[in-house]
PDB file of all heavy atoms in Angstrom:
ATOM      1  N   ARG A   1       0.930 -10.617  -0.597  1.00  0.00           N
ATOM      2  CA  ARG A   1      -0.177  -9.760  -1.025  1.00  0.00           C
ATOM      3  C   ARG A   1       0.082  -8.313  -0.630  1.00  0.00           C
ATOM      4  O   ARG A   1      -0.152  -7.391  -1.403  1.00  0.00           O
ATOM      5  CB  ARG A   1      -1.497 -10.238  -0.408  1.00  0.00           C
ATOM      6  CG  ARG A   1      -2.138 -11.413  -1.125  1.00  0.00           C
ATOM      7  CD  ARG A   1      -3.487 -11.746  -0.522  1.00  0.00           C
ATOM      8  NE  ARG A   1      -4.181 -12.761  -1.286  1.00  0.00           N
ATOM      9  CZ  ARG A   1      -4.919 -12.524  -2.355  1.00  0.00           C
ATOM     10  NH1 ARG A   1      -5.049 -11.286  -2.805  1.00  0.00           N
ATOM     11  NH2 ARG A   1      -5.530 -13.501  -2.990  1.00  0.00           N
ATOM     12  N   ARG A   2       0.551  -8.111   0.596  1.00  0.00           N
ATOM     13  CA  ARG A   2       0.863  -6.754   1.057  1.00  0.00           C
ATOM     14  C   ARG A   2       1.946  -6.125   0.172  1.00  0.00           C
ATOM     15  O   ARG A   2       1.829  -4.977  -0.263  1.00  0.00           O
ATOM     16  CB  ARG A   2       1.342  -6.787   2.515  1.00  0.00           C
ATOM     17  CG  ARG A   2       0.258  -7.112   3.515  1.00  0.00           C
ATOM     18  CD  ARG A   2       0.833  -7.433   4.889  1.00  0.00           C
ATOM     19  NE  ARG A   2       1.404  -6.273   5.552  1.00  0.00           N
ATOM     20  CZ  ARG A   2       0.745  -5.470   6.381  1.00  0.00           C
ATOM     21  NH1 ARG A   2      -0.522  -5.691   6.644  1.00  0.00           N
ATOM     22  NH2 ARG A   2       1.349  -4.446   6.963  1.00  0.00           N
ATOM     23  N   ALA A   3       2.990  -6.906  -0.092  1.00  0.00           N
ATOM     24  CA  ALA A   3       4.098  -6.403  -0.911  1.00  0.00           C
ATOM     25  C   ALA A   3       3.630  -6.052  -2.323  1.00  0.00           C
ATOM     26  O   ALA A   3       4.048  -5.038  -2.905  1.00  0.00           O
ATOM     27  CB  ALA A   3       5.213  -7.438  -0.961  1.00  0.00           C
ATOM     28  N   ALA A   4       2.741  -6.878  -2.877  1.00  0.00           N
ATOM     29  CA  ALA A   4       2.238  -6.651  -4.232  1.00  0.00           C
ATOM     30  C   ALA A   4       1.448  -5.345  -4.317  1.00  0.00           C
ATOM     31  O   ALA A   4       1.613  -4.561  -5.262  1.00  0.00           O
ATOM     32  CB  ALA A   4       1.370  -7.832  -4.665  1.00  0.00           C
ATOM     33  N   ILE A   5       0.600  -5.108  -3.308  1.00  0.00           N
ATOM     34  CA  ILE A   5      -0.226  -3.904  -3.329  1.00  0.00           C
ATOM     35  C   ILE A   5       0.630  -2.658  -3.107  1.00  0.00           C
ATOM     36  O   ILE A   5       0.421  -1.617  -3.741  1.00  0.00           O
ATOM     37  CB  ILE A   5      -1.349  -4.009  -2.276  1.00  0.00           C
ATOM     38  CG1 ILE A   5      -2.355  -5.089  -2.714  1.00  0.00           C
ATOM     39  CG2 ILE A   5      -2.066  -2.682  -2.089  1.00  0.00           C
ATOM     40  CD1 ILE A   5      -3.405  -5.428  -1.698  1.00  0.00           C
ATOM     41  N   VAL A   6       1.632  -2.743  -2.226  1.00  0.00           N
ATOM     42  CA  VAL A   6       2.533  -1.606  -2.000  1.00  0.00           C
ATOM     43  C   VAL A   6       3.296  -1.286  -3.292  1.00  0.00           C
ATOM     44  O   VAL A   6       3.430  -0.116  -3.673  1.00  0.00           O
ATOM     45  CB  VAL A   6       3.518  -1.899  -0.842  1.00  0.00           C
ATOM     46  CG1 VAL A   6       4.643  -0.874  -0.815  1.00  0.00           C
ATOM     47  CG2 VAL A   6       2.773  -1.908   0.484  1.00  0.00           C
ATOM     48  N   ASP A   7       3.803  -2.300  -3.985  1.00  0.00           N
ATOM     49  CA  ASP A   7       4.512  -2.083  -5.250  1.00  0.00           C
ATOM     50  C   ASP A   7       3.596  -1.442  -6.292  1.00  0.00           C
ATOM     51  O   ASP A   7       4.008  -0.565  -7.054  1.00  0.00           O
ATOM     52  CB  ASP A   7       5.053  -3.413  -5.794  1.00  0.00           C
ATOM     53  CG  ASP A   7       6.438  -3.743  -5.257  1.00  0.00           C
ATOM     54  OD1 ASP A   7       6.893  -3.020  -4.337  1.00  0.00           O
ATOM     55  OD2 ASP A   7       7.061  -4.720  -5.715  1.00  0.00           O
ATOM     56  N   TYR A   8       2.349  -1.890  -6.315  1.00  0.00           N
ATOM     57  CA  TYR A   8       1.389  -1.328  -7.281  1.00  0.00           C
ATOM     58  C   TYR A   8       1.128   0.145  -6.962  1.00  0.00           C
ATOM     59  O   TYR A   8       1.058   0.979  -7.868  1.00  0.00           O
ATOM     60  CB  TYR A   8       0.089  -2.124  -7.237  1.00  0.00           C
ATOM     61  CG  TYR A   8      -0.907  -1.697  -8.296  1.00  0.00           C
ATOM     62  CD1 TYR A   8      -0.831  -2.217  -9.592  1.00  0.00           C
ATOM     63  CD2 TYR A   8      -1.910  -0.779  -8.003  1.00  0.00           C
ATOM     64  CE1 TYR A   8      -1.732  -1.817 -10.576  1.00  0.00           C
ATOM     65  CE2 TYR A   8      -2.815  -0.375  -8.981  1.00  0.00           C
ATOM     66  CZ  TYR A   8      -2.721  -0.896 -10.263  1.00  0.00           C
ATOM     67  OH  TYR A   8      -3.613  -0.501 -11.233  1.00  0.00           O
ATOM     68  N   PHE A   9       0.992   0.463  -5.682  1.00  0.00           N
ATOM     69  CA  PHE A   9       0.795   1.859  -5.277  1.00  0.00           C
ATOM     70  C   PHE A   9       2.007   2.704  -5.667  1.00  0.00           C
ATOM     71  O   PHE A   9       1.883   3.820  -6.168  1.00  0.00           O
ATOM     72  CB  PHE A   9       0.557   1.916  -3.759  1.00  0.00           C
ATOM     73  CG  PHE A   9       0.349   3.295  -3.206  1.00  0.00           C
ATOM     74  CD1 PHE A   9      -0.337   4.279  -3.912  1.00  0.00           C
ATOM     75  CD2 PHE A   9       0.832   3.627  -1.941  1.00  0.00           C
ATOM     76  CE1 PHE A   9      -0.539   5.551  -3.390  1.00  0.00           C
ATOM     77  CE2 PHE A   9       0.639   4.886  -1.398  1.00  0.00           C
ATOM     78  CZ  PHE A   9      -0.041   5.851  -2.131  1.00  0.00           C
ATOM     79  N   LYS A  10       3.188   2.153  -5.480  1.00  0.00           N
ATOM     80  CA  LYS A  10       4.422   2.894  -5.780  1.00  0.00           C
ATOM     81  C   LYS A  10       4.579   3.151  -7.286  1.00  0.00           C
ATOM     82  O   LYS A  10       4.961   4.252  -7.706  1.00  0.00           O
ATOM     83  CB  LYS A  10       5.632   2.123  -5.254  1.00  0.00           C
ATOM     84  CG  LYS A  10       6.960   2.841  -5.463  1.00  0.00           C
ATOM     85  CD  LYS A  10       8.114   2.046  -4.858  1.00  0.00           C
ATOM     86  CE  LYS A  10       9.433   2.804  -5.024  1.00  0.00           C
ATOM     87  NZ  LYS A  10      10.564   2.058  -4.407  1.00  0.00           N
ATOM     88  N   ASN A  11       4.246   2.148  -8.087  1.00  0.00           N
ATOM     89  CA  ASN A  11       4.577   2.223  -9.514  1.00  0.00           C
ATOM     90  C   ASN A  11       3.404   2.542 -10.433  1.00  0.00           C
ATOM     91  O   ASN A  11       3.626   2.994 -11.564  1.00  0.00           O
ATOM     92  CB  ASN A  11       5.203   0.893  -9.958  1.00  0.00           C
ATOM     93  CG  ASN A  11       6.471   0.570  -9.187  1.00  0.00           C
ATOM     94  OD1 ASN A  11       7.331   1.421  -9.025  1.00  0.00           O
ATOM     95  ND2 ASN A  11       6.584  -0.671  -8.707  1.00  0.00           N
ATOM     96  N   GLU A  12       2.163   2.299  -9.959  1.00  0.00           N
ATOM     97  CA  GLU A  12       1.019   2.444 -10.864  1.00  0.00           C
ATOM     98  C   GLU A  12      -0.042   3.433 -10.369  1.00  0.00           C
ATOM     99  O   GLU A  12      -0.454   4.323 -11.107  1.00  0.00           O
ATOM    100  CB  GLU A  12       0.355   1.073 -11.080  1.00  0.00           C
ATOM    101  CG  GLU A  12       1.278  -0.014 -11.593  1.00  0.00           C
ATOM    102  CD  GLU A  12       1.679   0.189 -13.046  1.00  0.00           C
ATOM    103  OE1 GLU A  12       0.959   0.918 -13.756  1.00  0.00           O
ATOM    104  OE2 GLU A  12       2.705  -0.369 -13.455  1.00  0.00           O
ATOM    105  N   ALA A  13      -0.487   3.274  -9.134  1.00  0.00           N
ATOM    106  CA  ALA A  13      -1.643   4.033  -8.638  1.00  0.00           C
ATOM    107  C   ALA A  13      -1.236   5.392  -8.082  1.00  0.00           C
ATOM    108  O   ALA A  13      -0.091   5.612  -7.681  1.00  0.00           O
ATOM    109  CB  ALA A  13      -2.373   3.221  -7.572  1.00  0.00           C
ATOM    110  N   ASP A  14      -2.196   6.317  -8.050  1.00  0.00           N
ATOM    111  CA  ASP A  14      -1.996   7.628  -7.416  1.00  0.00           C
ATOM    112  C   ASP A  14      -2.522   7.628  -5.983  1.00  0.00           C
ATOM    113  O   ASP A  14      -2.044   8.398  -5.148  1.00  0.00           O
ATOM    114  CB  ASP A  14      -2.741   8.719  -8.199  1.00  0.00           C
ATOM    115  CG  ASP A  14      -2.155   8.942  -9.576  1.00  0.00           C
ATOM    116  OD1 ASP A  14      -0.992   8.546  -9.802  1.00  0.00           O
ATOM    117  OD2 ASP A  14      -2.860   9.498 -10.444  1.00  0.00           O
ATOM    118  N   ILE A  15      -3.527   6.772  -5.720  1.00  0.00           N
ATOM    119  CA  ILE A  15      -4.217   6.811  -4.429  1.00  0.00           C
ATOM    120  C   ILE A  15      -4.305   5.411  -3.847  1.00  0.00           C
ATOM    121  O   ILE A  15      -4.672   4.458  -4.546  1.00  0.00           O
ATOM    122  CB  ILE A  15      -5.648   7.384  -4.587  1.00  0.00           C
ATOM    123  CG1 ILE A  15      -5.600   8.834  -5.071  1.00  0.00           C
ATOM    124  CG2 ILE A  15      -6.424   7.293  -3.271  1.00  0.00           C
ATOM    125  CD1 ILE A  15      -6.963   9.385  -5.471  1.00  0.00           C
ATOM    126  N   MET A  16      -3.966   5.281  -2.560  1.00  0.00           N
ATOM    127  CA  MET A  16      -4.259   4.063  -1.821  1.00  0.00           C
ATOM    128  C   MET A  16      -5.302   4.398  -0.764  1.00  0.00           C
ATOM    129  O   MET A  16      -5.087   5.288   0.065  1.00  0.00           O
ATOM    130  CB  MET A  16      -3.015   3.483  -1.134  1.00  0.00           C
ATOM    131  CG  MET A  16      -3.335   2.245  -0.285  1.00  0.00           C
ATOM    132  SD  MET A  16      -1.930   1.650   0.714  1.00  0.00           S
ATOM    133  CE  MET A  16      -1.024   0.716  -0.521  1.00  0.00           C
ATOM    134  N   ILE A  17      -6.443   3.704  -0.804  1.00  0.00           N
ATOM    135  CA  ILE A  17      -7.465   3.857   0.241  1.00  0.00           C
ATOM    136  C   ILE A  17      -7.300   2.670   1.177  1.00  0.00           C
ATOM    137  O   ILE A  17      -7.450   1.513   0.763  1.00  0.00           O
ATOM    138  CB  ILE A  17      -8.889   3.879  -0.343  1.00  0.00           C
ATOM    139  CG1 ILE A  17      -9.015   4.933  -1.444  1.00  0.00           C
ATOM    140  CG2 ILE A  17      -9.901   4.177   0.761  1.00  0.00           C
ATOM    141  CD1 ILE A  17     -10.352   4.911  -2.164  1.00  0.00           C
ATOM    142  N   ALA A  18      -6.959   2.957   2.422  1.00  0.00           N
ATOM    143  CA  ALA A  18      -6.565   1.886   3.340  1.00  0.00           C
ATOM    144  C   ALA A  18      -7.408   1.897   4.604  1.00  0.00           C
ATOM    145  O   ALA A  18      -7.861   2.946   5.061  1.00  0.00           O
ATOM    146  CB  ALA A  18      -5.089   2.043   3.708  1.00  0.00           C
ATOM    147  N   THR A  19      -7.588   0.711   5.174  1.00  0.00           N
ATOM    148  CA  THR A  19      -8.164   0.589   6.504  1.00  0.00           C
ATOM    149  C   THR A  19      -7.017   0.561   7.512  1.00  0.00           C
ATOM    150  O   THR A  19      -5.846   0.688   7.151  1.00  0.00           O
ATOM    151  CB  THR A  19      -9.008  -0.686   6.637  1.00  0.00           C
ATOM    152  OG1 THR A  19      -8.141  -1.816   6.463  1.00  0.00           O
ATOM    153  CG2 THR A  19     -10.122  -0.729   5.592  1.00  0.00           C
ATOM    154  N   GLU A  20      -7.350   0.341   8.774  1.00  0.00           N
ATOM    155  CA  GLU A  20      -6.330   0.341   9.825  1.00  0.00           C
ATOM    156  C   GLU A  20      -5.287  -0.759   9.625  1.00  0.00           C
ATOM    157  O   GLU A  20      -4.213  -0.728  10.220  1.00  0.00           O
ATOM    158  CB  GLU A  20      -7.009   0.181  11.191  1.00  0.00           C
ATOM    159  CG  GLU A  20      -6.277   0.843  12.334  1.00  0.00           C
ATOM    160  CD  GLU A  20      -6.272   2.360  12.230  1.00  0.00           C
ATOM    161  OE1 GLU A  20      -7.260   2.931  11.745  1.00  0.00           O
ATOM    162  OE2 GLU A  20      -5.264   2.964  12.633  1.00  0.00           O
ATOM    163  N   ALA A  21      -5.596  -1.724   8.754  1.00  0.00           N
ATOM    164  CA  ALA A  21      -4.648  -2.804   8.465  1.00  0.00           C
ATOM    165  C   ALA A  21      -3.345  -2.267   7.882  1.00  0.00           C
ATOM    166  O   ALA A  21      -2.306  -2.933   7.957  1.00  0.00           O
ATOM    167  CB  ALA A  21      -5.272  -3.806   7.492  1.00  0.00           C
ATOM    168  N   ALA A  22      -3.374  -1.064   7.303  1.00  0.00           N
ATOM    169  CA  ALA A  22      -2.176  -0.478   6.689  1.00  0.00           C
ATOM    170  C   ALA A  22      -1.427   0.446   7.636  1.00  0.00           C
ATOM    171  O   ALA A  22      -0.416   1.032   7.264  1.00  0.00           O
ATOM    172  CB  ALA A  22      -2.558   0.296   5.429  1.00  0.00           C
ATOM    173  N   ALA A  23      -1.902   0.582   8.867  1.00  0.00           N
ATOM    174  CA  ALA A  23      -1.310   1.559   9.794  1.00  0.00           C
ATOM    175  C   ALA A  23      -0.008   1.068  10.416  1.00  0.00           C
ATOM    176  O   ALA A  23       0.692   1.841  11.065  1.00  0.00           O
ATOM    177  CB  ALA A  23      -2.306   1.919  10.898  1.00  0.00           C
ATOM    178  N   GLU A  24       0.305  -0.208  10.230  1.00  0.00           N
ATOM    179  CA  GLU A  24       1.535  -0.777  10.799  1.00  0.00           C
ATOM    180  C   GLU A  24       2.269  -1.589   9.744  1.00  0.00           C
ATOM    181  O   GLU A  24       1.656  -2.218   8.896  1.00  0.00           O
ATOM    182  CB  GLU A  24       1.211  -1.705  11.982  1.00  0.00           C
ATOM    183  CG  GLU A  24       0.687  -1.003  13.199  1.00  0.00           C
ATOM    184  CD  GLU A  24       0.399  -1.976  14.334  1.00  0.00           C
ATOM    185  OE1 GLU A  24       0.332  -3.192  14.082  1.00  0.00           O
ATOM    186  OE2 GLU A  24       0.239  -1.516  15.459  1.00  0.00           O
ATOM    187  N   GLY A  25       3.600  -1.544   9.823  1.00  0.00           N
ATOM    188  CA  GLY A  25       4.410  -2.474   9.049  1.00  0.00           C
ATOM    189  C   GLY A  25       4.607  -2.158   7.584  1.00  0.00           C
ATOM    190  O   GLY A  25       5.257  -2.924   6.878  1.00  0.00           O
ATOM    191  N   LEU A  26       4.057  -1.037   7.088  1.00  0.00           N
ATOM    192  CA  LEU A  26       4.243  -0.684   5.678  1.00  0.00           C
ATOM    193  C   LEU A  26       5.257   0.447   5.547  1.00  0.00           C
ATOM    194  O   LEU A  26       5.225   1.407   6.322  1.00  0.00           O
ATOM    195  CB  LEU A  26       2.921  -0.242   5.034  1.00  0.00           C
ATOM    196  CG  LEU A  26       1.819  -1.285   4.863  1.00  0.00           C
ATOM    197  CD1 LEU A  26       0.716  -0.708   3.985  1.00  0.00           C
ATOM    198  CD2 LEU A  26       2.336  -2.575   4.274  1.00  0.00           C
ATOM    199  N   ASN A  27       6.133   0.354   4.545  1.00  0.00           N
ATOM    200  CA  ASN A  27       7.087   1.423   4.245  1.00  0.00           C
ATOM    201  C   ASN A  27       6.608   2.155   2.999  1.00  0.00           C
ATOM    202  O   ASN A  27       6.745   1.649   1.881  1.00  0.00           O
ATOM    203  CB  ASN A  27       8.487   0.836   4.015  1.00  0.00           C
ATOM    204  CG  ASN A  27       9.001   0.105   5.243  1.00  0.00           C
ATOM    205  OD1 ASN A  27       8.788   0.535   6.365  1.00  0.00           O
ATOM    206  ND2 ASN A  27       9.676  -1.016   5.019  1.00  0.00           N
ATOM    207  N   LEU A  28       6.036   3.336   3.196  1.00  0.00           N
ATOM    208  CA  LEU A  28       5.454   4.095   2.082  1.00  0.00           C
ATOM    209  C   LEU A  28       6.106   5.472   1.963  1.00  0.00           C
ATOM    210  O   LEU A  28       5.441   6.466   1.715  1.00  0.00           O
ATOM    211  CB  LEU A  28       3.940   4.245   2.287  1.00  0.00           C
ATOM    212  CG  LEU A  28       3.145   2.949   2.498  1.00  0.00           C
ATOM    213  CD1 LEU A  28       1.685   3.259   2.777  1.00  0.00           C
ATOM    214  CD2 LEU A  28       3.263   2.027   1.286  1.00  0.00           C
TER     215      LEU A  28
END
């Protein structure tokens, strides 16, 4: 699920609104 949302942000969306759950472990 995390990988899917990151890919969507990279390829489709302009904005990711994130909680603290995104503060670790993501390569953006």
